[in-house]
């Protein structure tokens, strides 16, 4: 059974990470740092039935983009689903997912139709798509040109060993290439920028 195989492999992974001291416990989980408590915890996990849900993967990045676009670039109901508006009654198509995706018709009075439509309207101050990182509004003017200039640089040739100044570089775990240091932040700078970002999000 898939759930038992997944449970065994998951718990085995927890044991392996624990032996390598790669699990951190804090707060209510701090007692699990004791080996006996951790073994007792795993014993309880093994006594429970796990529920594993698996399905076929998406059809690729294009499929994912089309799926997300239906939520980010369309309104609550498109015009082609509207059938008629007669005597204050709105008739429209809807898809019955519970019964084989069959297309059905529904009729609502205009007030109820508008009430349901407005449930999809974002509250004041919210936006449908929020950009962050190098695409955020305060940063993209400077960072997008920087990204473009960095991407035009030739890819460094793979080397048999770390560079002479490896202590000054961060190496990418996937290929071992050096990461270019753009800026260093102190702990105080990180806290102040986090506070500034939270204020900007709350007031946007």
N, C-alpha and C. Protein backbone atom coordinates (compact mmCIF):
# COMPACT_ATOMS: atom_id res chain seq x y z
N UNK A 1 0.84 -1.19 0.00
CA UNK A 1 0.00 0.00 0.00
C UNK A 1 0.88 1.25 0.00
N UNK A 2 0.50 2.22 -0.82
CA UNK A 2 1.32 3.42 -0.98
C UNK A 2 1.52 4.16 0.34
N UNK A 3 0.47 4.26 1.16
CA UNK A 3 0.58 5.01 2.40
C UNK A 3 1.62 4.39 3.34
N UNK A 4 1.69 3.06 3.36
CA UNK A 4 2.66 2.40 4.24
C UNK A 4 4.09 2.60 3.73
N UNK A 5 4.26 2.54 2.41
CA UNK A 5 5.59 2.76 1.85
C UNK A 5 6.05 4.19 2.12
N UNK A 6 5.13 5.14 1.90
CA UNK A 6 5.48 6.54 2.14
C UNK A 6 5.81 6.77 3.62
N UNK A 7 5.00 6.19 4.51
CA UNK A 7 5.25 6.34 5.94
C UNK A 7 6.62 5.79 6.31
N UNK A 8 6.96 4.61 5.79
CA UNK A 8 8.25 4.01 6.11
C UNK A 8 9.41 4.86 5.64
N UNK A 9 9.31 5.35 4.40
CA UNK A 9 10.42 6.15 3.86
C UNK A 9 10.52 7.50 4.58
N UNK A 10 9.37 8.09 4.93
CA UNK A 10 9.39 9.38 5.61
C UNK A 10 10.02 9.25 7.00
N UNK A 11 9.59 8.24 7.75
CA UNK A 11 10.13 8.05 9.09
C UNK A 11 11.61 7.67 9.02
N UNK A 12 11.98 6.87 8.03
CA UNK A 12 13.39 6.52 7.85
C UNK A 12 14.22 7.77 7.58
N UNK A 13 13.67 8.70 6.79
CA UNK A 13 14.37 9.95 6.53
C UNK A 13 14.53 10.79 7.79
N UNK A 14 13.50 10.81 8.65
CA UNK A 14 13.60 11.53 9.91
C UNK A 14 14.71 10.95 10.79
N UNK A 15 14.78 9.62 10.84
CA UNK A 15 15.83 8.98 11.65
C UNK A 15 17.21 9.34 11.13
N UNK A 16 17.36 9.31 9.82
CA UNK A 16 18.66 9.61 9.23
C UNK A 16 19.08 11.05 9.52
N UNK A 17 18.15 11.99 9.38
CA UNK A 17 18.47 13.39 9.68
C UNK A 17 18.77 13.60 11.16
N UNK A 18 18.07 12.86 12.00
CA UNK A 18 18.30 13.00 13.45
C UNK A 18 19.70 12.51 13.81
N UNK A 19 20.11 11.37 13.21
CA UNK A 19 21.45 10.84 13.51
C UNK A 19 22.54 11.82 13.04
N UNK A 20 22.26 12.57 11.98
CA UNK A 20 23.25 13.51 11.46
C UNK A 20 23.13 14.89 12.11
N UNK A 21 22.26 14.99 13.12
CA UNK A 21 22.06 16.25 13.86
C UNK A 21 21.62 17.38 12.92
N UNK A 22 20.74 17.04 11.98
CA UNK A 22 20.25 18.04 11.04
C UNK A 22 18.79 18.42 11.30
N UNK A 23 18.24 17.96 12.42
CA UNK A 23 16.89 18.36 12.83
C UNK A 23 16.99 19.30 14.02
N UNK A 24 16.32 20.43 13.93
CA UNK A 24 16.31 21.37 15.05
C UNK A 24 14.95 21.38 15.72
N UNK A 25 14.94 21.39 17.04
CA UNK A 25 13.70 21.36 17.81
C UNK A 25 13.66 22.59 18.72
N UNK A 26 12.53 23.28 18.68
CA UNK A 26 12.36 24.46 19.52
C UNK A 26 10.92 24.52 19.98
N UNK A 27 10.67 25.35 20.97
CA UNK A 27 9.31 25.51 21.48
C UNK A 27 8.78 24.23 22.08
N UNK A 28 7.56 23.85 21.69
CA UNK A 28 6.93 22.65 22.22
C UNK A 28 7.63 21.37 21.77
N UNK A 29 8.43 21.45 20.71
CA UNK A 29 9.11 20.27 20.19
C UNK A 29 10.50 20.06 20.80
N UNK A 30 10.91 20.95 21.68
CA UNK A 30 12.26 20.85 22.24
C UNK A 30 12.52 19.53 22.96
N UNK A 31 11.53 18.93 23.66
CA UNK A 31 11.80 17.63 24.31
C UNK A 31 12.22 16.54 23.33
N UNK A 32 11.89 16.69 22.04
CA UNK A 32 12.25 15.66 21.07
C UNK A 32 13.75 15.60 20.81
N UNK A 33 14.50 16.58 21.29
CA UNK A 33 15.95 16.52 21.13
C UNK A 33 16.55 15.38 21.95
N UNK A 34 15.81 14.90 22.94
CA UNK A 34 16.25 13.73 23.71
C UNK A 34 16.02 12.48 22.87
N UNK A 35 17.04 11.61 22.70
CA UNK A 35 16.90 10.43 21.83
C UNK A 35 15.72 9.53 22.21
N UNK A 36 15.49 9.31 23.51
CA UNK A 36 14.39 8.43 23.90
C UNK A 36 13.04 9.05 23.53
N UNK A 37 12.89 10.35 23.74
CA UNK A 37 11.64 11.01 23.38
C UNK A 37 11.41 10.97 21.88
N UNK A 38 12.50 11.11 21.12
CA UNK A 38 12.37 11.06 19.67
C UNK A 38 11.95 9.67 19.21
N UNK A 39 12.51 8.62 19.80
CA UNK A 39 12.12 7.25 19.44
C UNK A 39 10.65 7.00 19.79
N UNK A 40 10.21 7.50 20.95
CA UNK A 40 8.80 7.34 21.32
C UNK A 40 7.88 8.06 20.34
N UNK A 41 8.33 9.23 19.88
CA UNK A 41 7.54 10.00 18.93
C UNK A 41 7.39 9.24 17.61
N UNK A 42 8.50 8.65 17.13
CA UNK A 42 8.44 7.89 15.89
C UNK A 42 7.57 6.65 16.04
N UNK A 43 7.57 6.05 17.23
CA UNK A 43 6.75 4.86 17.46
C UNK A 43 5.26 5.21 17.32
N UNK A 44 4.89 6.40 17.81
CA UNK A 44 3.49 6.84 17.68
C UNK A 44 3.14 7.07 16.21
N UNK A 45 4.09 7.63 15.45
CA UNK A 45 3.83 7.86 14.02
C UNK A 45 3.57 6.57 13.28
N UNK A 46 4.29 5.51 13.65
CA UNK A 46 4.14 4.24 12.96
C UNK A 46 2.84 3.55 13.31
N UNK A 47 2.24 3.89 14.43
CA UNK A 47 0.99 3.25 14.82
C UNK A 47 -0.22 3.86 14.13
N UNK A 48 -0.03 5.01 13.49
CA UNK A 48 -1.14 5.70 12.85
C UNK A 48 -1.16 5.39 11.35
N UNK A 49 -2.36 5.35 10.79
CA UNK A 49 -2.51 5.19 9.35
C UNK A 49 -2.30 6.53 8.66
N UNK A 50 -1.45 6.56 7.66
CA UNK A 50 -1.18 7.78 6.93
C UNK A 50 -2.05 7.83 5.68
N UNK A 51 -2.47 9.01 5.32
CA UNK A 51 -3.27 9.21 4.12
C UNK A 51 -2.38 9.89 3.08
N UNK A 52 -2.17 9.22 1.96
CA UNK A 52 -1.31 9.74 0.91
C UNK A 52 -2.17 9.98 -0.33
N UNK A 53 -2.09 11.20 -0.85
CA UNK A 53 -2.85 11.56 -2.04
C UNK A 53 -1.86 11.80 -3.18
N UNK A 54 -2.03 11.10 -4.27
CA UNK A 54 -1.14 11.26 -5.41
C UNK A 54 -1.98 11.35 -6.68
N UNK A 55 -1.56 12.17 -7.60
CA UNK A 55 -2.24 12.29 -8.88
C UNK A 55 -1.21 12.58 -9.97
N UNK A 56 -1.66 12.48 -11.19
CA UNK A 56 -0.76 12.73 -12.31
C UNK A 56 -0.27 14.17 -12.28
N UNK A 57 0.98 14.43 -12.69
CA UNK A 57 1.50 15.80 -12.67
C UNK A 57 0.84 16.66 -13.73
N UNK A 58 1.04 17.97 -13.61
CA UNK A 58 0.54 18.90 -14.60
C UNK A 58 1.18 18.62 -15.97
N UNK A 59 0.54 19.12 -16.99
CA UNK A 59 1.02 18.86 -18.34
C UNK A 59 2.25 19.66 -18.73
N UNK A 60 2.86 20.36 -17.82
CA UNK A 60 4.06 21.14 -18.14
C UNK A 60 3.85 22.60 -17.77
N UNK A 61 4.88 23.42 -17.95
CA UNK A 61 4.79 24.84 -17.55
C UNK A 61 3.71 25.60 -18.30
N UNK A 62 3.48 25.27 -19.58
CA UNK A 62 2.44 25.96 -20.34
C UNK A 62 1.07 25.71 -19.74
N UNK A 63 0.83 24.47 -19.35
CA UNK A 63 -0.45 24.12 -18.72
C UNK A 63 -0.65 24.88 -17.42
N UNK A 64 0.42 24.99 -16.62
CA UNK A 64 0.33 25.71 -15.35
C UNK A 64 0.02 27.18 -15.58
N UNK A 65 0.67 27.79 -16.58
CA UNK A 65 0.42 29.21 -16.87
C UNK A 65 -1.02 29.44 -17.31
N UNK A 66 -1.55 28.55 -18.16
CA UNK A 66 -2.95 28.68 -18.58
C UNK A 66 -3.89 28.54 -17.39
N UNK A 67 -3.56 27.62 -16.50
CA UNK A 67 -4.40 27.39 -15.32
C UNK A 67 -4.42 28.64 -14.43
N UNK A 68 -3.24 29.21 -14.16
CA UNK A 68 -3.17 30.38 -13.30
C UNK A 68 -3.78 31.61 -13.98
N UNK A 69 -3.66 31.70 -15.30
CA UNK A 69 -4.19 32.87 -16.00
C UNK A 69 -5.69 32.98 -15.85
N UNK A 70 -6.37 31.84 -15.71
CA UNK A 70 -7.83 31.89 -15.54
C UNK A 70 -8.21 32.58 -14.25
N UNK A 71 -7.33 32.58 -13.26
CA UNK A 71 -7.62 33.21 -11.98
C UNK A 71 -7.09 34.63 -11.89
N UNK A 72 -6.05 34.92 -12.64
CA UNK A 72 -5.41 36.24 -12.50
C UNK A 72 -5.84 37.24 -13.55
N UNK A 73 -6.36 36.80 -14.67
CA UNK A 73 -6.67 37.72 -15.76
C UNK A 73 -8.11 37.60 -16.25
N UNK A 74 -8.98 37.01 -15.46
CA UNK A 74 -10.39 36.94 -15.81
C UNK A 74 -11.24 37.43 -14.65
N UNK A 75 -12.46 37.85 -14.97
CA UNK A 75 -13.39 38.25 -13.92
C UNK A 75 -14.12 37.02 -13.41
N UNK A 76 -15.03 37.23 -12.44
CA UNK A 76 -15.71 36.11 -11.81
C UNK A 76 -16.51 35.28 -12.80
N UNK A 77 -17.12 35.93 -13.79
CA UNK A 77 -17.88 35.21 -14.81
C UNK A 77 -17.69 35.94 -16.13
N UNK A 78 -17.38 35.19 -17.17
CA UNK A 78 -17.13 35.80 -18.48
C UNK A 78 -18.44 35.98 -19.24
N UNK A 79 -18.41 36.85 -20.24
CA UNK A 79 -19.63 37.21 -20.96
C UNK A 79 -20.28 36.03 -21.67
N UNK A 80 -19.47 35.10 -22.17
CA UNK A 80 -20.05 34.01 -22.95
C UNK A 80 -20.89 33.06 -22.10
N UNK A 81 -20.75 33.15 -20.76
CA UNK A 81 -21.57 32.30 -19.89
C UNK A 81 -22.93 32.92 -19.59
N UNK A 82 -23.10 34.19 -19.88
CA UNK A 82 -24.38 34.85 -19.65
C UNK A 82 -25.34 34.50 -20.77
N UNK A 83 -26.52 34.01 -20.41
CA UNK A 83 -27.52 33.58 -21.40
C UNK A 83 -28.54 34.68 -21.65
N UNK A 84 -29.14 35.23 -20.58
CA UNK A 84 -30.18 36.24 -20.77
C UNK A 84 -30.36 37.04 -19.49
N UNK A 85 -30.99 38.21 -19.65
CA UNK A 85 -31.39 39.05 -18.53
C UNK A 85 -32.79 39.58 -18.85
N UNK A 86 -33.80 38.95 -18.26
CA UNK A 86 -35.19 39.27 -18.57
C UNK A 86 -35.97 39.43 -17.26
N UNK A 87 -36.68 40.54 -17.14
CA UNK A 87 -37.54 40.79 -15.97
C UNK A 87 -36.77 40.69 -14.65
N UNK A 88 -35.56 41.23 -14.65
CA UNK A 88 -34.78 41.22 -13.42
C UNK A 88 -34.16 39.89 -13.07
N UNK A 89 -34.20 38.92 -13.98
CA UNK A 89 -33.64 37.59 -13.73
C UNK A 89 -32.45 37.36 -14.67
N UNK A 90 -31.34 36.89 -14.08
CA UNK A 90 -30.12 36.62 -14.84
C UNK A 90 -29.98 35.11 -15.00
N UNK A 91 -29.87 34.67 -16.26
CA UNK A 91 -29.68 33.25 -16.53
C UNK A 91 -28.28 33.05 -17.11
N UNK A 92 -27.54 32.08 -16.58
CA UNK A 92 -26.15 31.87 -17.00
C UNK A 92 -25.79 30.40 -16.91
N UNK A 93 -24.70 30.06 -17.59
CA UNK A 93 -24.18 28.69 -17.56
C UNK A 93 -23.23 28.52 -16.37
N UNK A 94 -23.19 27.32 -15.83
CA UNK A 94 -22.18 26.97 -14.83
C UNK A 94 -21.81 25.50 -15.02
N UNK A 95 -20.61 25.13 -14.54
CA UNK A 95 -20.11 23.77 -14.75
C UNK A 95 -20.25 22.98 -13.45
N UNK A 96 -20.91 21.87 -13.54
CA UNK A 96 -21.16 21.00 -12.39
C UNK A 96 -20.01 20.01 -12.26
N UNK A 97 -19.00 20.37 -11.48
CA UNK A 97 -17.82 19.51 -11.34
C UNK A 97 -18.14 18.21 -10.60
N UNK A 98 -19.17 18.22 -9.76
CA UNK A 98 -19.52 17.02 -8.99
C UNK A 98 -20.17 15.96 -9.86
N UNK A 99 -20.64 16.33 -11.05
CA UNK A 99 -21.35 15.38 -11.92
C UNK A 99 -20.75 15.39 -13.32
N UNK A 100 -19.48 15.09 -13.37
CA UNK A 100 -18.82 14.92 -14.65
C UNK A 100 -18.61 16.18 -15.46
N UNK A 101 -18.45 17.32 -14.80
CA UNK A 101 -18.20 18.60 -15.48
C UNK A 101 -19.30 18.96 -16.48
N UNK A 102 -20.52 18.56 -16.19
CA UNK A 102 -21.63 18.87 -17.10
C UNK A 102 -22.00 20.35 -16.99
N UNK A 103 -22.34 20.92 -18.14
CA UNK A 103 -22.74 22.33 -18.17
C UNK A 103 -24.23 22.45 -17.85
N UNK A 104 -24.55 23.30 -16.90
CA UNK A 104 -25.94 23.49 -16.50
C UNK A 104 -26.27 24.98 -16.53
N UNK A 105 -27.55 25.28 -16.35
CA UNK A 105 -28.00 26.66 -16.31
C UNK A 105 -28.56 26.99 -14.94
N UNK A 106 -28.35 28.24 -14.52
CA UNK A 106 -28.88 28.72 -13.25
C UNK A 106 -29.53 30.07 -13.49
N UNK A 107 -30.62 30.35 -12.77
CA UNK A 107 -31.30 31.63 -12.87
C UNK A 107 -31.36 32.27 -11.49
N UNK A 108 -30.89 33.50 -11.40
CA UNK A 108 -30.89 34.26 -10.14
C UNK A 108 -31.50 35.63 -10.40
N UNK A 109 -32.10 36.21 -9.36
CA UNK A 109 -32.53 37.59 -9.51
C UNK A 109 -31.29 38.50 -9.53
N UNK A 110 -31.46 39.69 -10.06
CA UNK A 110 -30.32 40.56 -10.30
C UNK A 110 -29.56 40.88 -9.01
N UNK A 111 -30.28 41.09 -7.90
CA UNK A 111 -29.62 41.43 -6.64
C UNK A 111 -28.72 40.28 -6.17
N UNK A 112 -29.22 39.05 -6.24
CA UNK A 112 -28.43 37.90 -5.78
C UNK A 112 -27.25 37.67 -6.72
N UNK A 113 -27.47 37.87 -8.01
CA UNK A 113 -26.37 37.71 -8.96
C UNK A 113 -25.25 38.71 -8.67
N UNK A 114 -25.63 39.98 -8.42
CA UNK A 114 -24.61 40.98 -8.11
C UNK A 114 -23.92 40.69 -6.79
N UNK A 115 -24.68 40.19 -5.80
CA UNK A 115 -24.06 39.87 -4.51
C UNK A 115 -22.98 38.80 -4.68
N UNK A 116 -23.29 37.75 -5.43
CA UNK A 116 -22.31 36.69 -5.65
C UNK A 116 -21.13 37.19 -6.48
N UNK A 117 -21.42 38.05 -7.46
CA UNK A 117 -20.33 38.58 -8.29
C UNK A 117 -19.37 39.41 -7.44
N UNK A 118 -19.91 40.24 -6.56
CA UNK A 118 -19.07 41.13 -5.76
C UNK A 118 -18.28 40.40 -4.68
N UNK A 119 -18.65 39.15 -4.39
CA UNK A 119 -17.83 38.35 -3.46
C UNK A 119 -16.42 38.14 -4.01
N UNK A 120 -16.26 38.26 -5.32
CA UNK A 120 -14.96 38.07 -5.96
C UNK A 120 -14.18 39.38 -6.06
N UNK A 121 -14.73 40.48 -5.60
CA UNK A 121 -14.03 41.75 -5.64
C UNK A 121 -13.08 41.86 -4.45
N UNK A 122 -11.82 42.17 -4.72
CA UNK A 122 -10.84 42.26 -3.65
C UNK A 122 -11.12 43.44 -2.75
N UNK A 123 -10.88 43.31 -1.43
CA UNK A 123 -11.06 44.44 -0.52
C UNK A 123 -10.12 45.59 -0.88
N UNK A 124 -10.43 46.75 -0.38
CA UNK A 124 -9.62 47.94 -0.65
C UNK A 124 -8.20 47.74 -0.13
N UNK A 125 -7.23 48.08 -0.94
CA UNK A 125 -5.83 47.94 -0.55
C UNK A 125 -5.20 46.64 -1.01
N UNK A 126 -6.01 45.67 -1.52
CA UNK A 126 -5.47 44.40 -1.99
C UNK A 126 -5.33 44.45 -3.51
N UNK A 127 -4.35 43.73 -4.02
CA UNK A 127 -4.16 43.61 -5.46
C UNK A 127 -4.14 42.12 -5.81
N UNK A 128 -4.51 41.83 -7.07
CA UNK A 128 -4.65 40.43 -7.47
C UNK A 128 -3.30 39.74 -7.60
N UNK A 129 -2.32 40.42 -8.16
CA UNK A 129 -0.99 39.84 -8.33
C UNK A 129 0.00 40.72 -7.58
N UNK A 130 0.73 40.13 -6.66
CA UNK A 130 1.71 40.88 -5.87
C UNK A 130 3.11 40.42 -6.27
N UNK A 131 3.92 41.36 -6.70
CA UNK A 131 5.28 41.05 -7.11
C UNK A 131 6.24 41.24 -5.93
N UNK A 132 7.30 40.44 -5.90
CA UNK A 132 8.28 40.55 -4.83
C UNK A 132 9.66 40.28 -5.41
N UNK A 133 10.65 40.42 -4.58
CA UNK A 133 12.01 40.19 -5.05
C UNK A 133 12.43 41.23 -6.06
N UNK A 134 13.10 40.79 -7.14
CA UNK A 134 13.59 41.76 -8.12
C UNK A 134 12.45 42.33 -8.98
N UNK A 135 11.23 41.76 -8.86
CA UNK A 135 10.10 42.30 -9.60
C UNK A 135 9.25 43.26 -8.77
N UNK A 136 9.59 43.47 -7.50
CA UNK A 136 8.80 44.38 -6.67
C UNK A 136 8.96 45.81 -7.18
N UNK A 137 7.92 46.61 -6.97
CA UNK A 137 7.91 47.97 -7.52
C UNK A 137 9.10 48.82 -7.06
N UNK A 138 9.49 48.79 -5.76
CA UNK A 138 10.61 49.65 -5.35
C UNK A 138 11.97 49.21 -5.90
N UNK A 139 12.08 47.94 -6.34
CA UNK A 139 13.40 47.40 -6.68
C UNK A 139 13.60 47.14 -8.16
N UNK A 140 12.53 46.94 -8.93
CA UNK A 140 12.73 46.45 -10.29
C UNK A 140 13.44 47.44 -11.19
N UNK A 141 13.31 48.74 -10.89
CA UNK A 141 14.00 49.72 -11.73
C UNK A 141 15.50 49.54 -11.70
N UNK A 142 16.04 49.12 -10.56
CA UNK A 142 17.49 48.93 -10.43
C UNK A 142 17.90 47.48 -10.68
N UNK A 143 17.07 46.53 -10.20
CA UNK A 143 17.50 45.13 -10.21
C UNK A 143 17.28 44.43 -11.54
N UNK A 144 16.24 44.80 -12.29
CA UNK A 144 16.03 44.13 -13.58
C UNK A 144 17.18 44.42 -14.55
N UNK A 145 17.63 45.69 -14.69
CA UNK A 145 18.82 45.90 -15.55
C UNK A 145 20.05 45.15 -15.04
N UNK A 146 20.17 45.04 -13.70
CA UNK A 146 21.30 44.30 -13.15
C UNK A 146 21.20 42.82 -13.52
N UNK A 147 20.00 42.25 -13.42
CA UNK A 147 19.81 40.85 -13.79
C UNK A 147 20.15 40.63 -15.26
N UNK A 148 19.71 41.55 -16.09
CA UNK A 148 19.99 41.40 -17.53
C UNK A 148 21.48 41.47 -17.83
N UNK A 149 22.16 42.36 -17.15
CA UNK A 149 23.61 42.48 -17.38
C UNK A 149 24.34 41.24 -16.87
N UNK A 150 23.87 40.68 -15.74
CA UNK A 150 24.53 39.49 -15.20
C UNK A 150 24.28 38.27 -16.09
N UNK A 151 23.09 38.19 -16.67
CA UNK A 151 22.78 37.04 -17.53
C UNK A 151 23.56 37.07 -18.83
N UNK A 152 24.06 38.23 -19.21
CA UNK A 152 24.84 38.33 -20.44
C UNK A 152 26.29 37.91 -20.23
N UNK A 153 26.68 37.71 -18.98
CA UNK A 153 28.06 37.31 -18.72
C UNK A 153 28.26 35.85 -19.11
N UNK A 154 29.43 35.50 -19.64
CA UNK A 154 29.67 34.09 -20.00
C UNK A 154 29.68 33.21 -18.76
N UNK A 155 29.18 32.01 -18.94
CA UNK A 155 29.13 31.06 -17.83
C UNK A 155 30.54 30.61 -17.47
N UNK A 156 30.91 30.65 -16.18
CA UNK A 156 32.27 30.26 -15.81
C UNK A 156 32.52 28.79 -16.12
N UNK A 157 33.72 28.51 -16.61
CA UNK A 157 34.09 27.14 -16.94
C UNK A 157 34.18 26.31 -15.66
N UNK A 158 33.72 25.06 -15.68
CA UNK A 158 33.82 24.22 -14.49
C UNK A 158 35.27 23.93 -14.16
N UNK A 159 35.58 23.96 -12.90
CA UNK A 159 36.95 23.71 -12.44
C UNK A 159 36.97 22.44 -11.61
N UNK A 160 38.15 21.83 -11.55
CA UNK A 160 38.29 20.59 -10.80
C UNK A 160 38.26 20.81 -9.30
N UNK A 161 38.56 22.00 -8.85
CA UNK A 161 38.57 22.29 -7.43
C UNK A 161 38.06 23.68 -7.16
N UNK A 162 37.90 24.04 -5.90
CA UNK A 162 37.39 25.38 -5.57
C UNK A 162 38.41 26.44 -5.93
N UNK A 163 37.98 27.65 -6.26
CA UNK A 163 38.92 28.74 -6.59
C UNK A 163 39.77 29.11 -5.39
N UNK A 164 40.84 29.86 -5.70
CA UNK A 164 41.78 30.20 -4.63
C UNK A 164 41.12 31.03 -3.54
N UNK A 165 40.15 31.88 -3.93
CA UNK A 165 39.50 32.73 -2.95
C UNK A 165 38.12 32.17 -2.59
N UNK A 166 38.02 30.83 -2.49
CA UNK A 166 36.72 30.20 -2.22
C UNK A 166 36.15 30.64 -0.89
N UNK A 167 37.02 31.01 0.04
CA UNK A 167 36.52 31.44 1.35
C UNK A 167 35.70 32.72 1.24
N UNK A 168 35.93 33.49 0.18
CA UNK A 168 35.21 34.76 0.02
C UNK A 168 33.96 34.61 -0.84
N UNK A 169 33.68 33.38 -1.34
CA UNK A 169 32.57 33.17 -2.26
C UNK A 169 31.55 32.20 -1.67
N UNK A 170 30.32 32.35 -2.13
CA UNK A 170 29.30 31.32 -1.88
C UNK A 170 29.22 30.48 -3.13
N UNK A 171 29.26 29.16 -3.00
CA UNK A 171 29.22 28.27 -4.14
C UNK A 171 27.82 27.68 -4.28
N UNK A 172 27.32 27.62 -5.51
CA UNK A 172 26.01 27.03 -5.76
C UNK A 172 26.11 25.53 -5.55
N UNK A 173 25.19 24.94 -4.76
CA UNK A 173 25.28 23.51 -4.49
C UNK A 173 25.03 22.65 -5.72
N UNK A 174 24.31 23.17 -6.73
CA UNK A 174 23.96 22.33 -7.88
C UNK A 174 25.15 22.13 -8.83
N UNK A 175 25.94 23.20 -9.05
CA UNK A 175 27.01 23.10 -10.04
C UNK A 175 28.38 23.49 -9.50
N UNK A 176 28.43 24.05 -8.28
CA UNK A 176 29.71 24.44 -7.72
C UNK A 176 30.22 25.78 -8.20
N UNK A 177 29.44 26.48 -9.06
CA UNK A 177 29.86 27.79 -9.55
C UNK A 177 29.74 28.86 -8.47
N UNK A 178 30.51 29.94 -8.58
CA UNK A 178 30.46 30.97 -7.54
C UNK A 178 29.23 31.86 -7.68
N UNK A 179 28.66 32.24 -6.56
CA UNK A 179 27.57 33.22 -6.55
C UNK A 179 28.19 34.61 -6.36
N UNK A 180 27.71 35.57 -7.13
CA UNK A 180 28.26 36.92 -7.09
C UNK A 180 27.63 37.69 -5.93
N UNK A 181 28.46 38.20 -5.05
CA UNK A 181 27.99 38.96 -3.90
C UNK A 181 27.65 40.38 -4.33
N UNK A 182 26.37 40.75 -4.15
CA UNK A 182 25.91 42.08 -4.53
C UNK A 182 25.90 43.02 -3.33
N UNK A 183 25.47 42.52 -2.19
CA UNK A 183 25.34 43.38 -1.02
C UNK A 183 25.37 42.53 0.23
N UNK A 184 25.96 43.04 1.28
CA UNK A 184 25.96 42.41 2.59
C UNK A 184 25.11 43.23 3.55
N UNK A 185 24.29 42.56 4.33
CA UNK A 185 23.42 43.23 5.28
C UNK A 185 23.74 42.77 6.70
N UNK A 186 23.75 43.71 7.61
CA UNK A 186 23.88 43.35 9.02
C UNK A 186 22.52 42.90 9.53
N UNK A 187 22.52 42.32 10.73
CA UNK A 187 21.27 41.88 11.33
C UNK A 187 20.31 43.05 11.53
N UNK A 188 20.86 44.20 11.92
CA UNK A 188 20.03 45.38 12.11
C UNK A 188 19.41 45.86 10.80
N UNK A 189 20.17 45.80 9.71
CA UNK A 189 19.64 46.21 8.42
C UNK A 189 18.53 45.27 7.95
N UNK A 190 18.70 43.98 8.21
CA UNK A 190 17.67 43.01 7.82
C UNK A 190 16.39 43.28 8.58
N UNK A 191 16.50 43.56 9.90
CA UNK A 191 15.30 43.83 10.70
C UNK A 191 14.61 45.11 10.23
N UNK A 192 15.39 46.15 9.94
CA UNK A 192 14.78 47.41 9.52
C UNK A 192 14.12 47.28 8.16
N UNK A 193 14.73 46.52 7.26
CA UNK A 193 14.13 46.34 5.94
C UNK A 193 12.87 45.48 6.03
N UNK A 194 12.88 44.48 6.93
CA UNK A 194 11.68 43.66 7.10
C UNK A 194 10.53 44.51 7.63
N UNK A 195 10.83 45.39 8.59
CA UNK A 195 9.79 46.26 9.14
C UNK A 195 9.28 47.22 8.07
N UNK A 196 10.21 47.76 7.26
CA UNK A 196 9.81 48.68 6.19
C UNK A 196 8.93 47.97 5.16
N UNK A 197 9.26 46.71 4.83
CA UNK A 197 8.48 45.96 3.86
C UNK A 197 7.09 45.65 4.40
N UNK A 198 6.98 45.28 5.70
CA UNK A 198 5.67 44.97 6.26
C UNK A 198 4.78 46.20 6.28
N UNK A 199 5.36 47.37 6.56
CA UNK A 199 4.57 48.61 6.54
C UNK A 199 4.11 48.91 5.12
N UNK A 200 4.99 48.67 4.13
CA UNK A 200 4.64 48.94 2.74
C UNK A 200 3.52 48.03 2.27
N UNK A 201 3.56 46.75 2.71
CA UNK A 201 2.50 45.80 2.34
C UNK A 201 1.18 46.19 2.99
N UNK A 202 1.20 46.58 4.27
CA UNK A 202 -0.04 46.92 4.97
C UNK A 202 -0.72 48.13 4.39
N UNK A 203 0.07 49.06 3.86
CA UNK A 203 -0.50 50.31 3.38
C UNK A 203 -0.68 50.34 1.87
N UNK A 204 -0.33 49.24 1.20
CA UNK A 204 -0.43 49.23 -0.27
C UNK A 204 -1.88 49.03 -0.69
